[in-house]
Amino acid sequence: MIIKQISVFVENRSGRLAEITSIIAEAGCSIRALSIADTTNFGILRLIVDDSKKAEDALRTNGLAVSITNVINVRIEDKPGGLSKVLKMMSEQGIAVEYMYAFISKCENEAQVVMRIEDLNRADELLTKAGY
């Protein structure tokens, strides 16, 4: 399933993540998943929230650099080899994953993975056809 991901440019300083997550909470949005890649001075915070437009507006209003990206959310079996099976299938079809991160699902025996893929529609069609 194609979903919206929010990316936020974050200064690498104590308390900054708390400020950003507070802005999202005060906007009435729930964070479903997040990932952060950082360097010494800054990072990119990637978020999946329940209302991306509301969160984006709140973050921008508070002066943060924000971008919205379409990504794919894939539900896979939470067992050894579950992720490998999906990635192998995509690789065999020439679909490259730019980055990904996983999160815990509320469903038992299921994991969820967020993937950034150049050809989203093709990947979404392939995954749906394969039962994901």
N, C-alpha and C. Protein backbone atom coordinates (compact mmCIF):
# COMPACT_ATOMS: atom_id res chain seq x y z
N MET A 1 0.84 -1.17 0.00
CA MET A 1 0.00 0.00 0.00
C MET A 1 0.89 1.24 0.00
N ILE A 2 0.58 2.18 -0.88
CA ILE A 2 1.33 3.43 -0.95
C ILE A 2 0.79 4.38 0.12
N ILE A 3 1.72 4.93 0.91
CA ILE A 3 1.36 5.84 1.99
C ILE A 3 2.27 7.07 1.95
N LYS A 4 1.93 8.09 2.73
CA LYS A 4 2.72 9.32 2.82
C LYS A 4 3.71 9.22 3.99
N GLN A 5 4.93 9.65 3.72
CA GLN A 5 5.98 9.72 4.75
C GLN A 5 6.40 11.18 4.88
N ILE A 6 6.57 11.63 6.09
CA ILE A 6 7.05 12.98 6.36
C ILE A 6 8.54 12.88 6.68
N SER A 7 9.33 13.72 6.03
CA SER A 7 10.75 13.82 6.33
C SER A 7 11.01 15.22 6.89
N VAL A 8 11.74 15.26 8.00
CA VAL A 8 12.02 16.52 8.68
C VAL A 8 13.53 16.65 8.84
N PHE A 9 14.07 17.81 8.45
CA PHE A 9 15.48 18.12 8.66
C PHE A 9 15.62 18.52 10.12
N VAL A 10 16.51 17.84 10.85
CA VAL A 10 16.62 18.04 12.30
C VAL A 10 18.06 18.40 12.68
N GLU A 11 18.20 19.48 13.45
CA GLU A 11 19.51 19.79 14.01
C GLU A 11 19.83 18.75 15.07
N ASN A 12 21.05 18.30 15.10
CA ASN A 12 21.46 17.28 16.06
C ASN A 12 21.85 17.97 17.38
N ARG A 13 20.82 18.23 18.20
CA ARG A 13 21.06 18.83 19.51
C ARG A 13 20.07 18.25 20.52
N SER A 14 20.47 18.25 21.74
CA SER A 14 19.66 17.68 22.81
C SER A 14 18.29 18.33 22.88
N GLY A 15 17.26 17.50 22.93
CA GLY A 15 15.89 17.99 23.08
C GLY A 15 15.15 18.26 21.79
N ARG A 16 15.84 18.25 20.67
CA ARG A 16 15.19 18.60 19.40
C ARG A 16 14.12 17.58 19.01
N LEU A 17 14.39 16.30 19.18
CA LEU A 17 13.39 15.28 18.86
C LEU A 17 12.16 15.42 19.76
N ALA A 18 12.39 15.75 21.01
CA ALA A 18 11.26 15.97 21.93
C ALA A 18 10.40 17.12 21.45
N GLU A 19 11.03 18.20 20.97
CA GLU A 19 10.28 19.34 20.46
C GLU A 19 9.44 18.95 19.25
N ILE A 20 10.04 18.22 18.33
CA ILE A 20 9.34 17.84 17.10
C ILE A 20 8.19 16.89 17.40
N THR A 21 8.43 15.90 18.24
CA THR A 21 7.34 14.97 18.55
C THR A 21 6.23 15.66 19.34
N SER A 22 6.57 16.67 20.12
CA SER A 22 5.55 17.45 20.84
C SER A 22 4.69 18.25 19.87
N ILE A 23 5.30 18.81 18.85
CA ILE A 23 4.55 19.55 17.83
C ILE A 23 3.52 18.62 17.16
N ILE A 24 3.97 17.42 16.85
CA ILE A 24 3.08 16.44 16.20
C ILE A 24 1.95 16.05 17.15
N ALA A 25 2.29 15.81 18.41
CA ALA A 25 1.27 15.44 19.40
C ALA A 25 0.26 16.56 19.60
N GLU A 26 0.75 17.80 19.70
CA GLU A 26 -0.15 18.94 19.90
C GLU A 26 -1.07 19.17 18.70
N ALA A 27 -0.64 18.70 17.53
CA ALA A 27 -1.49 18.79 16.33
C ALA A 27 -2.54 17.69 16.32
N GLY A 28 -2.46 16.78 17.30
CA GLY A 28 -3.44 15.71 17.41
C GLY A 28 -3.13 14.51 16.53
N CYS A 29 -1.86 14.36 16.16
CA CYS A 29 -1.46 13.25 15.29
C CYS A 29 -0.71 12.19 16.08
N SER A 30 -0.92 10.94 15.68
CA SER A 30 -0.21 9.82 16.29
C SER A 30 0.89 9.35 15.36
N ILE A 31 2.06 9.11 15.93
CA ILE A 31 3.19 8.58 15.16
C ILE A 31 3.03 7.07 15.08
N ARG A 32 3.08 6.53 13.87
CA ARG A 32 2.94 5.10 13.66
C ARG A 32 4.31 4.43 13.49
N ALA A 33 5.27 5.16 12.91
CA ALA A 33 6.62 4.63 12.71
C ALA A 33 7.56 5.80 12.52
N LEU A 34 8.83 5.58 12.85
CA LEU A 34 9.83 6.60 12.59
C LEU A 34 11.20 6.00 12.42
N SER A 35 12.03 6.76 11.76
CA SER A 35 13.43 6.39 11.56
C SER A 35 14.22 7.68 11.52
N ILE A 36 15.43 7.64 12.01
CA ILE A 36 16.28 8.82 11.92
C ILE A 36 17.68 8.40 11.47
N ALA A 37 18.18 9.13 10.50
CA ALA A 37 19.55 8.95 10.03
C ALA A 37 20.26 10.25 10.38
N ASP A 38 21.39 10.14 11.07
CA ASP A 38 22.03 11.38 11.50
C ASP A 38 23.51 11.39 11.20
N THR A 39 24.04 12.60 11.25
CA THR A 39 25.47 12.85 11.18
C THR A 39 25.80 13.66 12.43
N THR A 40 26.96 14.21 12.48
CA THR A 40 27.38 14.98 13.65
C THR A 40 26.49 16.19 13.90
N ASN A 41 26.08 16.88 12.83
CA ASN A 41 25.37 18.15 12.99
C ASN A 41 23.87 18.13 12.70
N PHE A 42 23.41 17.16 11.92
CA PHE A 42 22.00 17.16 11.55
C PHE A 42 21.54 15.74 11.24
N GLY A 43 20.24 15.60 11.07
CA GLY A 43 19.67 14.30 10.72
C GLY A 43 18.41 14.48 9.91
N ILE A 44 17.95 13.38 9.35
CA ILE A 44 16.68 13.34 8.64
C ILE A 44 15.77 12.41 9.43
N LEU A 45 14.69 12.96 9.95
CA LEU A 45 13.69 12.20 10.68
C LEU A 45 12.59 11.84 9.71
N ARG A 46 12.34 10.54 9.56
CA ARG A 46 11.28 10.06 8.68
C ARG A 46 10.16 9.51 9.55
N LEU A 47 8.93 9.95 9.26
CA LEU A 47 7.79 9.61 10.09
C LEU A 47 6.60 9.13 9.27
N ILE A 48 5.90 8.16 9.82
CA ILE A 48 4.58 7.78 9.32
C ILE A 48 3.62 8.17 10.44
N VAL A 49 2.64 8.99 10.11
CA VAL A 49 1.66 9.45 11.10
C VAL A 49 0.26 9.16 10.59
N ASP A 50 -0.72 9.27 11.48
CA ASP A 50 -2.10 8.98 11.08
C ASP A 50 -2.76 10.09 10.27
N ASP A 51 -2.20 11.30 10.28
CA ASP A 51 -2.72 12.40 9.47
C ASP A 51 -1.54 13.23 8.98
N SER A 52 -1.00 12.86 7.82
CA SER A 52 0.23 13.49 7.34
C SER A 52 0.04 14.97 7.02
N LYS A 53 -1.12 15.36 6.51
CA LYS A 53 -1.34 16.77 6.17
C LYS A 53 -1.35 17.65 7.42
N LYS A 54 -2.04 17.19 8.45
CA LYS A 54 -2.12 17.95 9.70
C LYS A 54 -0.73 18.06 10.34
N ALA A 55 0.03 16.97 10.35
CA ALA A 55 1.38 16.99 10.92
C ALA A 55 2.30 17.89 10.11
N GLU A 56 2.21 17.78 8.79
CA GLU A 56 3.04 18.63 7.92
C GLU A 56 2.77 20.11 8.19
N ASP A 57 1.51 20.48 8.24
CA ASP A 57 1.15 21.89 8.49
C ASP A 57 1.69 22.38 9.83
N ALA A 58 1.56 21.55 10.87
CA ALA A 58 2.04 21.94 12.20
C ALA A 58 3.56 22.10 12.21
N LEU A 59 4.26 21.19 11.57
CA LEU A 59 5.72 21.27 11.54
C LEU A 59 6.19 22.50 10.76
N ARG A 60 5.57 22.75 9.61
CA ARG A 60 5.94 23.93 8.81
C ARG A 60 5.63 25.23 9.58
N THR A 61 4.49 25.26 10.25
CA THR A 61 4.12 26.44 11.05
C THR A 61 5.16 26.74 12.11
N ASN A 62 5.83 25.70 12.59
CA ASN A 62 6.87 25.86 13.61
C ASN A 62 8.26 26.01 13.00
N GLY A 63 8.32 26.33 11.72
CA GLY A 63 9.59 26.67 11.07
C GLY A 63 10.48 25.51 10.69
N LEU A 64 9.94 24.31 10.62
CA LEU A 64 10.76 23.16 10.27
C LEU A 64 10.74 22.90 8.76
N ALA A 65 11.88 22.43 8.24
CA ALA A 65 11.97 22.03 6.84
C ALA A 65 11.39 20.63 6.71
N VAL A 66 10.30 20.52 5.93
CA VAL A 66 9.54 19.28 5.83
C VAL A 66 9.34 18.91 4.37
N SER A 67 9.41 17.62 4.07
CA SER A 67 9.02 17.15 2.74
C SER A 67 8.14 15.91 2.90
N ILE A 68 7.28 15.70 1.91
CA ILE A 68 6.39 14.55 1.89
C ILE A 68 6.83 13.64 0.74
N THR A 69 6.93 12.35 1.05
CA THR A 69 7.35 11.35 0.06
C THR A 69 6.37 10.20 0.08
N ASN A 70 6.06 9.68 -1.09
CA ASN A 70 5.28 8.45 -1.15
C ASN A 70 6.20 7.27 -0.92
N VAL A 71 5.79 6.37 -0.07
CA VAL A 71 6.53 5.14 0.23
C VAL A 71 5.54 3.98 0.22
N ILE A 72 6.06 2.79 0.33
CA ILE A 72 5.21 1.60 0.38
C ILE A 72 5.28 1.00 1.76
N ASN A 73 4.12 0.66 2.29
CA ASN A 73 4.03 -0.06 3.55
C ASN A 73 3.66 -1.50 3.21
N VAL A 74 4.49 -2.44 3.63
CA VAL A 74 4.28 -3.85 3.32
C VAL A 74 4.10 -4.64 4.60
N ARG A 75 3.01 -5.39 4.69
CA ARG A 75 2.80 -6.30 5.82
C ARG A 75 3.34 -7.66 5.43
N ILE A 76 4.26 -8.16 6.24
CA ILE A 76 4.88 -9.45 5.97
C ILE A 76 4.73 -10.36 7.17
N GLU A 77 4.90 -11.63 6.93
CA GLU A 77 4.86 -12.58 8.04
C GLU A 77 6.02 -12.31 8.98
N ASP A 78 5.75 -12.29 10.26
CA ASP A 78 6.79 -12.05 11.26
C ASP A 78 7.41 -13.38 11.63
N LYS A 79 8.26 -13.87 10.72
CA LYS A 79 8.96 -15.12 10.93
C LYS A 79 10.27 -15.06 10.16
N PRO A 80 11.23 -15.90 10.50
CA PRO A 80 12.50 -15.89 9.79
C PRO A 80 12.30 -16.04 8.28
N GLY A 81 12.90 -15.15 7.53
CA GLY A 81 12.82 -15.21 6.07
C GLY A 81 11.68 -14.40 5.48
N GLY A 82 10.78 -13.86 6.31
CA GLY A 82 9.64 -13.09 5.79
C GLY A 82 10.09 -11.89 4.95
N LEU A 83 11.00 -11.10 5.47
CA LEU A 83 11.50 -9.94 4.74
C LEU A 83 12.34 -10.36 3.55
N SER A 84 13.17 -11.35 3.74
CA SER A 84 14.03 -11.83 2.66
C SER A 84 13.22 -12.25 1.44
N LYS A 85 12.10 -12.90 1.67
CA LYS A 85 11.23 -13.37 0.58
C LYS A 85 10.72 -12.19 -0.25
N VAL A 86 10.27 -11.14 0.43
CA VAL A 86 9.77 -9.95 -0.27
C VAL A 86 10.88 -9.28 -1.06
N LEU A 87 12.03 -9.07 -0.43
CA LEU A 87 13.13 -8.39 -1.09
C LEU A 87 13.66 -9.18 -2.27
N LYS A 88 13.70 -10.50 -2.16
CA LYS A 88 14.16 -11.34 -3.27
C LYS A 88 13.21 -11.21 -4.46
N MET A 89 11.91 -11.26 -4.19
CA MET A 89 10.91 -11.13 -5.25
C MET A 89 11.08 -9.79 -5.98
N MET A 90 11.26 -8.72 -5.21
CA MET A 90 11.40 -7.41 -5.81
C MET A 90 12.70 -7.30 -6.61
N SER A 91 13.77 -7.85 -6.07
CA SER A 91 15.05 -7.83 -6.76
C SER A 91 14.97 -8.58 -8.09
N GLU A 92 14.28 -9.71 -8.09
CA GLU A 92 14.12 -10.49 -9.32
C GLU A 92 13.34 -9.73 -10.39
N GLN A 93 12.52 -8.77 -9.97
CA GLN A 93 11.75 -7.94 -10.90
C GLN A 93 12.45 -6.62 -11.22
N GLY A 94 13.68 -6.45 -10.72
CA GLY A 94 14.46 -5.25 -11.01
C GLY A 94 14.02 -4.03 -10.22
N ILE A 95 13.34 -4.25 -9.10
CA ILE A 95 12.88 -3.14 -8.25
C ILE A 95 13.87 -2.94 -7.12
N ALA A 96 14.48 -1.76 -7.06
CA ALA A 96 15.48 -1.46 -6.04
C ALA A 96 14.85 -0.70 -4.88
N VAL A 97 15.28 -1.02 -3.68
CA VAL A 97 14.84 -0.33 -2.47
C VAL A 97 15.89 0.72 -2.12
N GLU A 98 15.48 1.98 -2.06
CA GLU A 98 16.41 3.06 -1.72
C GLU A 98 16.75 3.04 -0.23
N TYR A 99 15.73 2.87 0.60
CA TYR A 99 15.91 2.70 2.04
C TYR A 99 14.66 2.07 2.59
N MET A 100 14.76 1.59 3.83
CA MET A 100 13.59 0.99 4.47
C MET A 100 13.77 0.99 5.97
N TYR A 101 12.67 0.82 6.67
CA TYR A 101 12.68 0.64 8.12
C TYR A 101 11.44 -0.14 8.49
N ALA A 102 11.51 -0.82 9.59
CA ALA A 102 10.41 -1.68 10.02
C ALA A 102 9.83 -1.15 11.33
N PHE A 103 8.62 -1.60 11.63
CA PHE A 103 8.00 -1.26 12.90
C PHE A 103 7.08 -2.38 13.33
N ILE A 104 6.73 -2.38 14.57
CA ILE A 104 5.89 -3.41 15.14
C ILE A 104 4.44 -3.12 14.83
N SER A 105 3.74 -4.15 14.42
CA SER A 105 2.33 -4.03 14.10
C SER A 105 1.49 -4.38 15.30
N LYS A 106 0.27 -3.90 15.32
CA LYS A 106 -0.66 -4.29 16.36
C LYS A 106 -1.22 -5.69 16.09
N CYS A 107 -1.01 -6.19 14.89
CA CYS A 107 -1.48 -7.53 14.52
C CYS A 107 -0.45 -8.57 14.92
N GLU A 108 -0.90 -9.64 15.48
CA GLU A 108 -0.02 -10.72 15.89
C GLU A 108 0.52 -11.43 14.65
N ASN A 109 1.76 -11.88 14.71
CA ASN A 109 2.41 -12.63 13.63
C ASN A 109 2.60 -11.81 12.37
N GLU A 110 2.69 -10.50 12.51
CA GLU A 110 2.84 -9.64 11.35
C GLU A 110 3.82 -8.53 11.69
N ALA A 111 4.68 -8.23 10.72
CA ALA A 111 5.59 -7.08 10.84
C ALA A 111 5.27 -6.15 9.69
N GLN A 112 5.59 -4.89 9.84
CA GLN A 112 5.35 -3.94 8.76
C GLN A 112 6.66 -3.26 8.42
N VAL A 113 6.87 -3.08 7.12
CA VAL A 113 8.10 -2.48 6.62
C VAL A 113 7.73 -1.31 5.71
N VAL A 114 8.40 -0.19 5.89
CA VAL A 114 8.22 0.98 5.03
C VAL A 114 9.40 1.00 4.07
N MET A 115 9.12 1.12 2.76
CA MET A 115 10.17 1.11 1.74
C MET A 115 10.04 2.32 0.83
N ARG A 116 11.15 2.93 0.54
CA ARG A 116 11.21 4.00 -0.47
C ARG A 116 11.70 3.34 -1.74
N ILE A 117 10.86 3.41 -2.78
CA ILE A 117 11.13 2.75 -4.05
C ILE A 117 10.84 3.74 -5.17
N GLU A 118 11.69 3.78 -6.18
CA GLU A 118 11.51 4.72 -7.27
C GLU A 118 10.20 4.48 -8.03
N ASP A 119 9.94 3.25 -8.42
CA ASP A 119 8.74 2.90 -9.19
C ASP A 119 7.68 2.35 -8.23
N LEU A 120 7.04 3.24 -7.50
CA LEU A 120 6.07 2.84 -6.47
C LEU A 120 4.90 2.06 -7.02
N ASN A 121 4.34 2.51 -8.12
CA ASN A 121 3.16 1.85 -8.65
C ASN A 121 3.46 0.43 -9.10
N ARG A 122 4.57 0.23 -9.75
CA ARG A 122 4.96 -1.12 -10.18
C ARG A 122 5.20 -2.01 -8.98
N ALA A 123 5.91 -1.51 -7.98
CA ALA A 123 6.18 -2.29 -6.77
C ALA A 123 4.88 -2.62 -6.04
N ASP A 124 3.99 -1.64 -5.93
CA ASP A 124 2.71 -1.85 -5.24
C ASP A 124 1.90 -2.93 -5.96
N GLU A 125 1.86 -2.88 -7.28
CA GLU A 125 1.14 -3.88 -8.07
C GLU A 125 1.74 -5.27 -7.86
N LEU A 126 3.06 -5.37 -7.91
CA LEU A 126 3.75 -6.65 -7.71
C LEU A 126 3.47 -7.22 -6.32
N LEU A 127 3.58 -6.39 -5.30
CA LEU A 127 3.35 -6.85 -3.93
C LEU A 127 1.90 -7.27 -3.71
N THR A 128 0.98 -6.50 -4.25
CA THR A 128 -0.44 -6.85 -4.12
C THR A 128 -0.73 -8.17 -4.81
N LYS A 129 -0.20 -8.32 -6.01
CA LYS A 129 -0.39 -9.56 -6.78
C LYS A 129 0.18 -10.78 -6.02
N ALA A 130 1.26 -10.55 -5.29
CA ALA A 130 1.91 -11.64 -4.54
C ALA A 130 1.24 -11.88 -3.18
N GLY A 131 0.21 -11.09 -2.86
CA GLY A 131 -0.53 -11.32 -1.63
C GLY A 131 -0.06 -10.53 -0.43
N TYR A 132 0.76 -9.52 -0.64
CA TYR A 132 1.23 -8.69 0.47
C TYR A 132 0.37 -7.47 0.61
